[in-house]
PDB file of N, CA and C in Angstrom:
ATOM      1  N   UNK A   1      10.536  33.006  -6.547  1.00  0.00           N
ATOM      2  CA  UNK A   1      10.068  31.687  -6.713  1.00  0.00           C
ATOM      3  C   UNK A   1      10.961  30.810  -7.490  1.00  0.00           C
ATOM      4  N   UNK A   2      11.232  29.684  -7.147  1.00  0.00           N
ATOM      5  CA  UNK A   2      12.006  28.720  -7.845  1.00  0.00           C
ATOM      6  C   UNK A   2      11.121  27.641  -8.526  1.00  0.00           C
ATOM      7  N   UNK A   3      11.742  26.817  -9.337  1.00  0.00           N
ATOM      8  CA  UNK A   3      11.054  25.703 -10.053  1.00  0.00           C
ATOM      9  C   UNK A   3      11.808  24.523  -9.627  1.00  0.00           C
ATOM     10  N   UNK A   4      11.004  23.485  -9.153  1.00  0.00           N
ATOM     11  CA  UNK A   4      11.536  22.191  -8.751  1.00  0.00           C
ATOM     12  C   UNK A   4      10.643  21.140  -9.420  1.00  0.00           C
ATOM     13  N   UNK A   5      11.230  20.304 -10.340  1.00  0.00           N
ATOM     14  CA  UNK A   5      10.493  19.347 -11.091  1.00  0.00           C
ATOM     15  C   UNK A   5       9.228  19.864 -11.586  1.00  0.00           C
ATOM     16  N   UNK A   6       9.312  21.101 -12.156  1.00  0.00           N
ATOM     17  CA  UNK A   6       8.044  21.595 -12.841  1.00  0.00           C
ATOM     18  C   UNK A   6       7.107  22.288 -11.824  1.00  0.00           C
ATOM     19  N   UNK A   7       7.376  22.327 -10.545  1.00  0.00           N
ATOM     20  CA  UNK A   7       6.445  22.903  -9.538  1.00  0.00           C
ATOM     21  C   UNK A   7       7.163  24.219  -9.175  1.00  0.00           C
ATOM     22  N   UNK A   8       6.309  25.312  -9.011  1.00  0.00           N
ATOM     23  CA  UNK A   8       6.790  26.596  -8.513  1.00  0.00           C
ATOM     24  C   UNK A   8       6.961  26.592  -6.976  1.00  0.00           C
ATOM     25  N   UNK A   9       7.942  26.782  -6.433  1.00  0.00           N
ATOM     26  CA  UNK A   9       8.233  26.723  -4.925  1.00  0.00           C
ATOM     27  C   UNK A   9       8.358  28.053  -4.418  1.00  0.00           C
ATOM     28  N   UNK A  10       7.580  28.421  -3.415  1.00  0.00           N
ATOM     29  CA  UNK A  10       7.637  29.702  -2.803  1.00  0.00           C
ATOM     30  C   UNK A  10       8.706  29.645  -1.736  1.00  0.00           C
ATOM     31  N   UNK A  11       9.105  30.893  -1.151  1.00  0.00           N
ATOM     32  CA  UNK A  11      10.073  30.839  -0.062  1.00  0.00           C
ATOM     33  C   UNK A  11       9.622  30.020   1.156  1.00  0.00           C
ATOM     34  N   UNK A  12       8.276  29.830   1.365  1.00  0.00           N
ATOM     35  CA  UNK A  12       7.908  29.011   2.469  1.00  0.00           C
ATOM     36  C   UNK A  12       8.007  27.535   2.161  1.00  0.00           C
ATOM     37  N   UNK A  13       8.300  27.029   0.897  1.00  0.00           N
ATOM     38  CA  UNK A  13       8.424  25.712   0.582  1.00  0.00           C
ATOM     39  C   UNK A  13       7.189  25.159   0.016  1.00  0.00           C
ATOM     40  N   UNK A  14       6.105  25.939  -0.051  1.00  0.00           N
ATOM     41  CA  UNK A  14       4.755  25.472  -0.578  1.00  0.00           C
ATOM     42  C   UNK A  14       4.850  25.275  -2.087  1.00  0.00           C
ATOM     43  N   UNK A  15       4.365  24.272  -2.619  1.00  0.00           N
ATOM     44  CA  UNK A  15       4.352  24.030  -4.007  1.00  0.00           C
ATOM     45  C   UNK A  15       2.998  24.401  -4.731  1.00  0.00           C
ATOM     46  N   UNK A  16       3.126  25.178  -5.819  1.00  0.00           N
ATOM     47  CA  UNK A  16       1.923  25.490  -6.498  1.00  0.00           C
ATOM     48  C   UNK A  16       1.822  24.664  -7.698  1.00  0.00           C
ATOM     49  N   UNK A  17       0.568  24.314  -8.134  1.00  0.00           N
ATOM     50  CA  UNK A  17       0.299  23.426  -9.319  1.00  0.00           C
ATOM     51  C   UNK A  17       0.374  22.031  -8.946  1.00  0.00           C
ATOM     52  N   UNK A  18      -0.090  21.681  -7.711  1.00  0.00           N
ATOM     53  CA  UNK A  18      -0.063  20.233  -7.345  1.00  0.00           C
ATOM     54  C   UNK A  18      -0.934  19.381  -8.255  1.00  0.00           C
ATOM     55  N   UNK A  19      -2.032  19.972  -8.786  1.00  0.00           N
ATOM     56  CA  UNK A  19      -2.839  19.097  -9.667  1.00  0.00           C
ATOM     57  C   UNK A  19      -2.423  19.078 -11.136  1.00  0.00           C
ATOM     58  N   UNK A  20      -1.395  19.758 -11.452  1.00  0.00           N
ATOM     59  CA  UNK A  20      -0.936  19.785 -12.799  1.00  0.00           C
ATOM     60  C   UNK A  20       0.214  18.851 -13.013  1.00  0.00           C
ATOM     61  N   UNK A  21       0.304  18.443 -14.240  1.00  0.00           N
ATOM     62  CA  UNK A  21       1.549  17.441 -14.564  1.00  0.00           C
ATOM     63  C   UNK A  21       2.807  18.296 -14.634  1.00  0.00           C
ATOM     64  N   UNK A  22       3.858  17.853 -14.024  1.00  0.00           N
ATOM     65  CA  UNK A  22       5.116  18.540 -14.054  1.00  0.00           C
ATOM     66  C   UNK A  22       5.622  18.584 -15.477  1.00  0.00           C
ATOM     67  N   UNK A  23       6.373  19.595 -15.721  1.00  0.00           N
ATOM     68  CA  UNK A  23       6.842  19.874 -17.099  1.00  0.00           C
ATOM     69  C   UNK A  23       7.671  18.655 -17.635  1.00  0.00           C
ATOM     70  N   UNK A  24       7.342  18.256 -18.771  1.00  0.00           N
ATOM     71  CA  UNK A  24       8.163  17.184 -19.355  1.00  0.00           C
ATOM     72  C   UNK A  24       7.609  15.755 -18.972  1.00  0.00           C
ATOM     73  N   UNK A  25       6.485  15.626 -18.225  1.00  0.00           N
ATOM     74  CA  UNK A  25       6.044  14.311 -17.700  1.00  0.00           C
ATOM     75  C   UNK A  25       5.085  13.845 -18.800  1.00  0.00           C
ATOM     76  N   UNK A  26       5.376  12.658 -19.305  1.00  0.00           N
ATOM     77  CA  UNK A  26       4.524  11.971 -20.212  1.00  0.00           C
ATOM     78  C   UNK A  26       3.887  10.854 -19.427  1.00  0.00           C
ATOM     79  N   UNK A  27       2.637  10.582 -19.716  1.00  0.00           N
ATOM     80  CA  UNK A  27       1.950   9.404 -19.105  1.00  0.00           C
ATOM     81  C   UNK A  27       2.823   8.119 -19.306  1.00  0.00           C
ATOM     82  N   UNK A  28       2.860   7.274 -18.338  1.00  0.00           N
ATOM     83  CA  UNK A  28       3.610   6.081 -18.446  1.00  0.00           C
ATOM     84  C   UNK A  28       5.080   6.254 -18.420  1.00  0.00           C
ATOM     85  N   UNK A  29       5.594   7.359 -17.961  1.00  0.00           N
ATOM     86  CA  UNK A  29       7.041   7.540 -17.759  1.00  0.00           C
ATOM     87  C   UNK A  29       7.546   6.796 -16.550  1.00  0.00           C
ATOM     88  N   UNK A  30       8.708   6.167 -16.571  1.00  0.00           N
ATOM     89  CA  UNK A  30       9.198   5.487 -15.451  1.00  0.00           C
ATOM     90  C   UNK A  30      10.444   6.245 -14.971  1.00  0.00           C
ATOM     91  N   UNK A  31      10.518   6.416 -13.637  1.00  0.00           N
ATOM     92  CA  UNK A  31      11.713   7.059 -13.019  1.00  0.00           C
ATOM     93  C   UNK A  31      12.300   5.986 -12.108  1.00  0.00           C
ATOM     94  N   UNK A  32      13.675   5.971 -11.938  1.00  0.00           N
ATOM     95  CA  UNK A  32      14.229   5.192 -10.939  1.00  0.00           C
ATOM     96  C   UNK A  32      14.846   6.101  -9.806  1.00  0.00           C
ATOM     97  N   UNK A  33      14.491   5.788  -8.695  1.00  0.00           N
ATOM     98  CA  UNK A  33      15.022   6.550  -7.533  1.00  0.00           C
ATOM     99  C   UNK A  33      15.524   5.605  -6.391  1.00  0.00           C
ATOM    100  N   UNK A  34      16.562   6.159  -5.727  1.00  0.00           N
ATOM    101  CA  UNK A  34      17.040   5.395  -4.594  1.00  0.00           C
ATOM    102  C   UNK A  34      16.094   5.672  -3.366  1.00  0.00           C
ATOM    103  N   UNK A  35      16.305   4.806  -2.322  1.00  0.00           N
ATOM    104  CA  UNK A  35      15.411   4.799  -1.122  1.00  0.00           C
ATOM    105  C   UNK A  35      15.426   6.190  -0.466  1.00  0.00           C
ATOM    106  N   UNK A  36      16.685   6.714  -0.378  1.00  0.00           N
ATOM    107  CA  UNK A  36      16.842   7.884   0.329  1.00  0.00           C
ATOM    108  C   UNK A  36      16.142   9.062  -0.398  1.00  0.00           C
ATOM    109  N   UNK A  37      16.274   9.170  -1.713  1.00  0.00           N
ATOM    110  CA  UNK A  37      15.639  10.085  -2.500  1.00  0.00           C
ATOM    111  C   UNK A  37      14.029   9.954  -2.382  1.00  0.00           C
ATOM    112  N   UNK A  38      13.634   8.751  -2.474  1.00  0.00           N
ATOM    113  CA  UNK A  38      12.200   8.495  -2.267  1.00  0.00           C
ATOM    114  C   UNK A  38      11.619   8.996  -0.952  1.00  0.00           C
ATOM    115  N   UNK A  39      12.275   8.720   0.151  1.00  0.00           N
ATOM    116  CA  UNK A  39      11.911   9.112   1.522  1.00  0.00           C
ATOM    117  C   UNK A  39      11.946  10.632   1.574  1.00  0.00           C
ATOM    118  N   UNK A  40      12.958  11.202   1.004  1.00  0.00           N
ATOM    119  CA  UNK A  40      13.083  12.666   1.144  1.00  0.00           C
ATOM    120  C   UNK A  40      12.029  13.439   0.443  1.00  0.00           C
ATOM    121  N   UNK A  41      11.527  12.842  -0.732  1.00  0.00           N
ATOM    122  CA  UNK A  41      10.595  13.524  -1.554  1.00  0.00           C
ATOM    123  C   UNK A  41       9.310  12.674  -1.771  1.00  0.00           C
ATOM    124  N   UNK A  42       8.852  11.897  -0.926  1.00  0.00           N
ATOM    125  CA  UNK A  42       7.874  10.911  -1.124  1.00  0.00           C
ATOM    126  C   UNK A  42       6.578  11.610  -1.770  1.00  0.00           C
ATOM    127  N   UNK A  43       6.161  12.786  -1.245  1.00  0.00           N
ATOM    128  CA  UNK A  43       4.958  13.472  -1.756  1.00  0.00           C
ATOM    129  C   UNK A  43       5.102  13.647  -3.207  1.00  0.00           C
ATOM    130  N   UNK A  44       6.219  14.179  -3.618  1.00  0.00           N
ATOM    131  CA  UNK A  44       6.387  14.491  -5.053  1.00  0.00           C
ATOM    132  C   UNK A  44       6.253  13.281  -5.923  1.00  0.00           C
ATOM    133  N   UNK A  45       6.951  12.114  -5.417  1.00  0.00           N
ATOM    134  CA  UNK A  45       6.840  10.908  -6.281  1.00  0.00           C
ATOM    135  C   UNK A  45       5.405  10.369  -6.208  1.00  0.00           C
ATOM    136  N   UNK A  46       4.665  10.493  -5.109  1.00  0.00           N
ATOM    137  CA  UNK A  46       3.302   9.925  -5.169  1.00  0.00           C
ATOM    138  C   UNK A  46       2.419  10.798  -5.959  1.00  0.00           C
ATOM    139  N   UNK A  47       2.587  12.060  -6.156  1.00  0.00           N
ATOM    140  CA  UNK A  47       1.918  12.911  -7.138  1.00  0.00           C
ATOM    141  C   UNK A  47       2.218  12.451  -8.515  1.00  0.00           C
ATOM    142  N   UNK A  48       3.512  12.146  -8.744  1.00  0.00           N
ATOM    143  CA  UNK A  48       3.992  11.669 -10.067  1.00  0.00           C
ATOM    144  C   UNK A  48       3.237  10.359 -10.475  1.00  0.00           C
ATOM    145  N   UNK A  49       3.167   9.473  -9.529  1.00  0.00           N
ATOM    146  CA  UNK A  49       2.527   8.162  -9.712  1.00  0.00           C
ATOM    147  C   UNK A  49       0.964   8.455  -9.919  1.00  0.00           C
ATOM    148  N   UNK A  50       0.384   9.404  -9.159  1.00  0.00           N
ATOM    149  CA  UNK A  50      -1.046   9.719  -9.311  1.00  0.00           C
ATOM    150  C   UNK A  50      -1.337  10.217 -10.705  1.00  0.00           C
ATOM    151  N   UNK A  51      -0.416  10.888 -11.437  1.00  0.00           N
ATOM    152  CA  UNK A  51      -0.567  11.414 -12.617  1.00  0.00           C
ATOM    153  C   UNK A  51      -0.272  10.506 -13.767  1.00  0.00           C
ATOM    154  N   UNK A  52       0.012   9.273 -13.430  1.00  0.00           N
ATOM    155  CA  UNK A  52       0.174   8.186 -14.457  1.00  0.00           C
ATOM    156  C   UNK A  52       1.590   7.769 -14.600  1.00  0.00           C
ATOM    157  N   UNK A  53       2.509   8.322 -13.813  1.00  0.00           N
ATOM    158  CA  UNK A  53       3.959   7.859 -13.996  1.00  0.00           C
ATOM    159  C   UNK A  53       4.120   6.586 -13.058  1.00  0.00           C
ATOM    160  N   UNK A  54       5.331   6.123 -13.242  1.00  0.00           N
ATOM    161  CA  UNK A  54       5.716   4.871 -12.497  1.00  0.00           C
ATOM    162  C   UNK A  54       6.992   5.173 -11.856  1.00  0.00           C
ATOM    163  N   UNK A  55       7.347   4.586 -10.699  1.00  0.00           N
ATOM    164  CA  UNK A  55       8.651   4.882  -9.936  1.00  0.00           C
ATOM    165  C   UNK A  55       9.130   3.538  -9.668  1.00  0.00           C
ATOM    166  N   UNK A  56      10.488   3.287  -9.951  1.00  0.00           N
ATOM    167  CA  UNK A  56      11.077   2.027  -9.580  1.00  0.00           C
ATOM    168  C   UNK A  56      12.180   2.517  -8.519  1.00  0.00           C
ATOM    169  N   UNK A  57      11.994   1.772  -7.304  1.00  0.00           N
ATOM    170  CA  UNK A  57      12.816   2.008  -6.241  1.00  0.00           C
ATOM    171  C   UNK A  57      13.997   1.156  -6.170  1.00  0.00           C
ATOM    172  N   UNK A  58      15.160   1.728  -5.985  1.00  0.00           N
ATOM    173  CA  UNK A  58      16.443   0.996  -5.943  1.00  0.00           C
ATOM    174  C   UNK A  58      17.136   1.019  -4.562  1.00  0.00           C
ATOM    175  N   UNK A  59      17.818  -0.024  -4.254  1.00  0.00           N
ATOM    176  CA  UNK A  59      18.700  -0.048  -3.094  1.00  0.00           C
ATOM    177  C   UNK A  59      20.090  -0.383  -3.657  1.00  0.00           C
ATOM    178  N   UNK A  60      21.043   0.697  -3.509  1.00  0.00           N
ATOM    179  CA  UNK A  60      22.425   0.453  -4.087  1.00  0.00           C
ATOM    180  C   UNK A  60      22.400   0.072  -5.484  1.00  0.00           C
ATOM    181  N   UNK A  61      21.539   0.652  -6.291  1.00  0.00           N
ATOM    182  CA  UNK A  61      21.356   0.351  -7.687  1.00  0.00           C
ATOM    183  C   UNK A  61      20.718  -0.927  -8.146  1.00  0.00           C
ATOM    184  N   UNK A  62      20.164  -1.687  -7.178  1.00  0.00           N
ATOM    185  CA  UNK A  62      19.505  -2.872  -7.414  1.00  0.00           C
ATOM    186  C   UNK A  62      18.002  -2.525  -7.330  1.00  0.00           C
ATOM    187  N   UNK A  63      17.171  -2.893  -8.313  1.00  0.00           N
ATOM    188  CA  UNK A  63      15.690  -2.720  -8.347  1.00  0.00           C
ATOM    189  C   UNK A  63      15.097  -3.477  -7.330  1.00  0.00           C
ATOM    190  N   UNK A  64      14.334  -2.944  -6.421  1.00  0.00           N
ATOM    191  CA  UNK A  64      13.659  -3.727  -5.358  1.00  0.00           C
ATOM    192  C   UNK A  64      12.112  -3.586  -5.259  1.00  0.00           C
ATOM    193  N   UNK A  65      11.604  -2.435  -5.798  1.00  0.00           N
ATOM    194  CA  UNK A  65      10.114  -2.196  -5.777  1.00  0.00           C
ATOM    195  C   UNK A  65       9.680  -1.318  -6.890  1.00  0.00           C
ATOM    196  N   UNK A  66       8.352  -1.384  -7.092  1.00  0.00           N
ATOM    197  CA  UNK A  66       7.836  -0.552  -8.184  1.00  0.00           C
ATOM    198  C   UNK A  66       6.530   0.092  -7.565  1.00  0.00           C
ATOM    199  N   UNK A  67       6.413   1.510  -7.748  1.00  0.00           N
ATOM    200  CA  UNK A  67       5.265   2.190  -7.374  1.00  0.00           C
ATOM    201  C   UNK A  67       4.433   2.559  -8.663  1.00  0.00           C
ATOM    202  N   UNK A  68       3.226   2.189  -8.675  1.00  0.00           N
ATOM    203  CA  UNK A  68       2.355   2.424  -9.842  1.00  0.00           C
ATOM    204  C   UNK A  68       0.993   2.667  -9.288  1.00  0.00           C
ATOM    205  N   UNK A  69       0.073   3.101 -10.222  1.00  0.00           N
ATOM    206  CA  UNK A  69      -1.351   3.412  -9.778  1.00  0.00           C
ATOM    207  C   UNK A  69      -1.971   2.148  -9.147  1.00  0.00           C
ATOM    208  N   UNK A  70      -2.800   2.367  -8.126  1.00  0.00           N
ATOM    209  CA  UNK A  70      -3.521   1.174  -7.556  1.00  0.00           C
ATOM    210  C   UNK A  70      -4.816   1.058  -8.319  1.00  0.00           C
ATOM    211  N   UNK A  71      -5.115  -0.157  -8.611  1.00  0.00           N
ATOM    212  CA  UNK A  71      -6.350  -0.491  -9.362  1.00  0.00           C
ATOM    213  C   UNK A  71      -7.513  -0.321  -8.355  1.00  0.00           C
ATOM    214  N   UNK A  72      -8.726  -0.054  -8.884  1.00  0.00           N
ATOM    215  CA  UNK A  72      -9.895  -0.186  -8.046  1.00  0.00           C
ATOM    216  C   UNK A  72     -10.435  -1.503  -8.041  1.00  0.00           C
ATOM    217  N   UNK A  73      -9.818  -2.471  -8.718  1.00  0.00           N
ATOM    218  CA  UNK A  73     -10.279  -3.905  -8.788  1.00  0.00           C
ATOM    219  C   UNK A  73      -9.837  -4.626  -7.549  1.00  0.00           C
ATOM    220  N   UNK A  74     -10.761  -5.421  -6.939  1.00  0.00           N
ATOM    221  CA  UNK A  74     -10.448  -6.311  -5.812  1.00  0.00           C
ATOM    222  C   UNK A  74      -9.458  -7.288  -6.252  1.00  0.00           C
ATOM    223  N   UNK A  75      -8.173  -7.354  -5.748  1.00  0.00           N
ATOM    224  CA  UNK A  75      -7.185  -8.279  -6.288  1.00  0.00           C
ATOM    225  C   UNK A  75      -7.629  -9.761  -6.094  1.00  0.00           C
ATOM    226  N   UNK A  76      -8.325 -10.188  -5.064  1.00  0.00           N
ATOM    227  CA  UNK A  76      -8.742 -11.483  -4.826  1.00  0.00           C
ATOM    228  C   UNK A  76      -9.821 -11.899  -5.854  1.00  0.00           C
ATOM    229  N   UNK A  77     -10.748 -10.939  -6.231  1.00  0.00           N
ATOM    230  CA  UNK A  77     -11.821 -11.202  -7.355  1.00  0.00           C
ATOM    231  C   UNK A  77     -11.140 -11.293  -8.621  1.00  0.00           C
ATOM    232  N   UNK A  78     -10.055 -10.572  -8.899  1.00  0.00           N
ATOM    233  CA  UNK A  78      -9.288 -10.687 -10.110  1.00  0.00           C
ATOM    234  C   UNK A  78      -8.596 -12.094 -10.229  1.00  0.00           C
ATOM    235  N   UNK A  79      -8.044 -12.468  -9.139  1.00  0.00           N
ATOM    236  CA  UNK A  79      -7.374 -13.823  -9.168  1.00  0.00           C
ATOM    237  C   UNK A  79      -8.454 -15.027  -9.359  1.00  0.00           C
ATOM    238  N   UNK A  80      -9.658 -14.793  -8.745  1.00  0.00           N
ATOM    239  CA  UNK A  80     -10.649 -15.834  -8.929  1.00  0.00           C
ATOM    240  C   UNK A  80     -11.130 -15.796 -10.374  1.00  0.00           C
ATOM    241  N   UNK A  81     -11.324 -14.653 -11.025  1.00  0.00           N
ATOM    242  CA  UNK A  81     -11.782 -14.537 -12.312  1.00  0.00           C
ATOM    243  C   UNK A  81     -10.841 -15.125 -13.318  1.00  0.00           C
ATOM    244  N   UNK A  82      -9.493 -15.058 -12.999  1.00  0.00           N
ATOM    245  CA  UNK A  82      -8.597 -15.676 -13.841  1.00  0.00           C
ATOM    246  C   UNK A  82      -8.260 -17.169 -13.545  1.00  0.00           C
ATOM    247  N   UNK A  83      -8.982 -17.718 -12.543  1.00  0.00           N
ATOM    248  CA  UNK A  83      -8.833 -19.091 -12.220  1.00  0.00           C
ATOM    249  C   UNK A  83      -7.633 -19.461 -11.447  1.00  0.00           C
ATOM    250  N   UNK A  84      -6.994 -18.470 -10.896  1.00  0.00           N
ATOM    251  CA  UNK A  84      -5.674 -18.861 -10.109  1.00  0.00           C
ATOM    252  C   UNK A  84      -5.952 -19.195  -8.656  1.00  0.00           C
ATOM    253  N   UNK A  85      -7.148 -18.777  -8.148  1.00  0.00           N
ATOM    254  CA  UNK A  85      -7.466 -19.195  -6.707  1.00  0.00           C
ATOM    255  C   UNK A  85      -9.050 -19.491  -6.843  1.00  0.00           C
ATOM    256  N   UNK A  86      -9.380 -20.161  -5.731  1.00  0.00           N
ATOM    257  CA  UNK A  86     -10.801 -20.570  -5.581  1.00  0.00           C
ATOM    258  C   UNK A  86     -11.219 -20.336  -4.139  1.00  0.00           C
ATOM    259  N   UNK A  87     -12.576 -20.105  -3.941  1.00  0.00           N
ATOM    260  CA  UNK A  87     -12.991 -19.903  -2.662  1.00  0.00           C
ATOM    261  C   UNK A  87     -12.865 -21.118  -1.801  1.00  0.00           C
ATOM    262  N   UNK A  88     -13.280 -21.033  -0.507  1.00  0.00           N
ATOM    263  CA  UNK A  88     -13.207 -22.254   0.372  1.00  0.00           C
ATOM    264  C   UNK A  88     -14.276 -23.286  -0.039  1.00  0.00           C
ATOM    265  N   UNK A  89     -14.033 -24.472   0.201  1.00  0.00           N
ATOM    266  CA  UNK A  89     -14.902 -25.558  -0.153  1.00  0.00           C
ATOM    267  C   UNK A  89     -16.094 -25.672   0.888  1.00  0.00           C
ATOM    268  N   UNK A  90     -15.785 -25.311   2.129  1.00  0.00           N
ATOM    269  CA  UNK A  90     -16.708 -25.296   3.214  1.00  0.00           C
ATOM    270  C   UNK A  90     -16.561 -24.158   4.074  1.00  0.00           C
ATOM    271  N   UNK A  91     -17.541 -23.729   4.723  1.00  0.00           N
ATOM    272  CA  UNK A  91     -17.459 -22.535   5.620  1.00  0.00           C
ATOM    273  C   UNK A  91     -16.806 -22.866   6.992  1.00  0.00           C
ATOM    274  N   UNK A  92     -16.083 -21.986   7.466  1.00  0.00           N
ATOM    275  CA  UNK A  92     -15.312 -22.231   8.771  1.00  0.00           C
ATOM    276  C   UNK A  92     -16.211 -21.872   9.971  1.00  0.00           C
ATOM    277  N   UNK A  93     -17.396 -21.488   9.718  1.00  0.00           N
ATOM    278  CA  UNK A  93     -18.272 -21.131  10.797  1.00  0.00           C
ATOM    279  C   UNK A  93     -18.702 -22.427  11.516  1.00  0.00           C
ATOM    280  N   UNK A  94     -18.909 -22.264  12.810  1.00  0.00           N
ATOM    281  CA  UNK A  94     -19.332 -23.472  13.654  1.00  0.00           C
ATOM    282  C   UNK A  94     -20.749 -23.801  13.271  1.00  0.00           C
ATOM    283  N   UNK A  95     -21.072 -25.034  13.333  1.00  0.00           N
ATOM    284  CA  UNK A  95     -22.463 -25.475  13.042  1.00  0.00           C
ATOM    285  C   UNK A  95     -23.324 -24.800  14.168  1.00  0.00           C
ATOM    286  N   UNK A  96     -24.546 -24.481  13.772  1.00  0.00           N
ATOM    287  CA  UNK A  96     -25.414 -23.725  14.599  1.00  0.00           C
ATOM    288  C   UNK A  96     -25.809 -24.579  16.000  1.00  0.00           C
ATOM    289  N   UNK A  97     -25.594 -25.898  15.976  1.00  0.00           N
ATOM    290  CA  UNK A  97     -25.956 -26.674  17.180  1.00  0.00           C
ATOM    291  C   UNK A  97     -24.866 -26.607  18.313  1.00  0.00           C
ATOM    292  N   UNK A  98     -23.673 -26.160  17.957  1.00  0.00           N
ATOM    293  CA  UNK A  98     -22.668 -26.024  18.941  1.00  0.00           C
ATOM    294  C   UNK A  98     -22.473 -24.562  19.377  1.00  0.00           C
ATOM    295  N   UNK A  99     -22.409 -24.365  20.667  1.00  0.00           N
ATOM    296  CA  UNK A  99     -22.246 -23.075  21.271  1.00  0.00           C
ATOM    297  C   UNK A  99     -20.930 -23.006  21.897  1.00  0.00           C
ATOM    298  N   UNK A 100     -20.413 -21.778  21.996  1.00  0.00           N
ATOM    299  CA  UNK A 100     -19.148 -21.535  22.793  1.00  0.00           C
ATOM    300  C   UNK A 100     -19.346 -21.655  24.347  1.00  0.00           C
ATOM    301  N   UNK A 101     -18.485 -22.224  24.959  1.00  0.00           N
ATOM    302  CA  UNK A 101     -18.528 -22.240  26.489  1.00  0.00           C
ATOM    303  C   UNK A 101     -18.213 -20.922  27.052  1.00  0.00           C
ATOM    304  N   UNK A 102     -18.989 -20.500  28.075  1.00  0.00           N
ATOM    305  CA  UNK A 102     -18.764 -19.223  28.742  1.00  0.00           C
ATOM    306  C   UNK A 102     -18.044 -19.543  30.045  1.00  0.00           C
ATOM    307  N   UNK A 103     -16.875 -18.911  30.235  1.00  0.00           N
ATOM    308  CA  UNK A 103     -16.091 -19.181  31.453  1.00  0.00           C
ATOM    309  C   UNK A 103     -16.577 -18.313  32.585  1.00  0.00           C
ATOM    310  N   UNK A 104     -16.713 -18.973  33.773  1.00  0.00           N
ATOM    311  CA  UNK A 104     -17.185 -18.218  34.923  1.00  0.00           C
ATOM    312  C   UNK A 104     -16.136 -17.421  35.630  1.00  0.00           C
ATOM    313  N   UNK A 105     -14.897 -17.734  35.378  1.00  0.00           N
ATOM    314  CA  UNK A 105     -13.667 -17.105  35.908  1.00  0.00           C
ATOM    315  C   UNK A 105     -12.686 -16.883  34.871  1.00  0.00           C
ATOM    316  N   UNK A 106     -11.734 -16.101  35.182  1.00  0.00           N
ATOM    317  CA  UNK A 106     -10.610 -15.830  34.005  1.00  0.00           C
ATOM    318  C   UNK A 106      -9.903 -17.129  33.871  1.00  0.00           C
ATOM    319  N   UNK A 107      -9.401 -17.320  32.721  1.00  0.00           N
ATOM    320  CA  UNK A 107      -8.795 -18.551  32.179  1.00  0.00           C
ATOM    321  C   UNK A 107      -7.476 -18.747  33.146  1.00  0.00           C
ATOM    322  N   UNK A 108      -6.793 -17.761  33.407  1.00  0.00           N
ATOM    323  CA  UNK A 108      -5.630 -17.865  34.244  1.00  0.00           C
ATOM    324  C   UNK A 108      -5.931 -18.486  35.564  1.00  0.00           C
ATOM    325  N   UNK A 109      -7.110 -18.104  36.189  1.00  0.00           N
ATOM    326  CA  UNK A 109      -7.424 -18.823  37.478  1.00  0.00           C
ATOM    327  C   UNK A 109      -7.695 -20.287  37.203  1.00  0.00           C
ATOM    328  N   UNK A 110      -8.363 -20.677  36.201  1.00  0.00           N
ATOM    329  CA  UNK A 110      -8.642 -22.086  35.872  1.00  0.00           C
ATOM    330  C   UNK A 110      -7.300 -22.809  35.666  1.00  0.00           C
ATOM    331  N   UNK A 111      -6.388 -22.223  35.012  1.00  0.00           N
ATOM    332  CA  UNK A 111      -5.148 -22.908  34.801  1.00  0.00           C
ATOM    333  C   UNK A 111      -4.411 -23.070  36.134  1.00  0.00           C
ATOM    334  N   UNK A 112      -4.442 -22.068  36.966  1.00  0.00           N
ATOM    335  CA  UNK A 112      -3.774 -22.077  38.231  1.00  0.00           C
ATOM    336  C   UNK A 112      -4.350 -23.163  39.073  1.00  0.00           C
ATOM    337  N   UNK A 113      -5.656 -23.432  39.038  1.00  0.00           N
ATOM    338  CA  UNK A 113      -6.288 -24.454  39.799  1.00  0.00           C
ATOM    339  C   UNK A 113      -5.869 -25.880  39.398  1.00  0.00           C
ATOM    340  N   UNK A 114      -5.762 -25.914  38.030  1.00  0.00           N
ATOM    341  CA  UNK A 114      -5.385 -27.322  37.495  1.00  0.00           C
ATOM    342  C   UNK A 114      -3.910 -27.687  37.846  1.00  0.00           C
ATOM    343  N   UNK A 115      -3.049 -26.686  37.963  1.00  0.00           N
ATOM    344  CA  UNK A 115      -1.623 -26.875  38.320  1.00  0.00           C
ATOM    345  C   UNK A 115      -1.400 -27.172  39.819  1.00  0.00           C
ATOM    346  N   UNK A 116      -2.344 -27.020  40.605  1.00  0.00           N
ATOM    347  CA  UNK A 116      -2.152 -27.373  42.029  1.00  0.00           C
ATOM    348  C   UNK A 116      -2.289 -28.712  42.353  1.00  0.00           C
TER     349      UNK A 116
END
């Protein structure tokens, strides 16, 4: 068995210790990885983020994205609470007095008739 990023890897490639923190990982650690490295080892980096780490993704050395834990908070509710957005002033629902028209034939047939 070999060790890769603190995980024991068997000859079949299965990693043991998936629920444990890799050796040397402190909560709130930040790692920078290139897109190819992230793609090749996505599961490993997602476990890292799940354990409290943070991953910064780079393209040719330029930082383009950040992977961090997802909050259970509704982002829209958070924006409303901070006063940055507000709900609609009126409902977009149709008034109850108006009903939708029901077509007796496909719309394409109706358009064809009008073009003749």
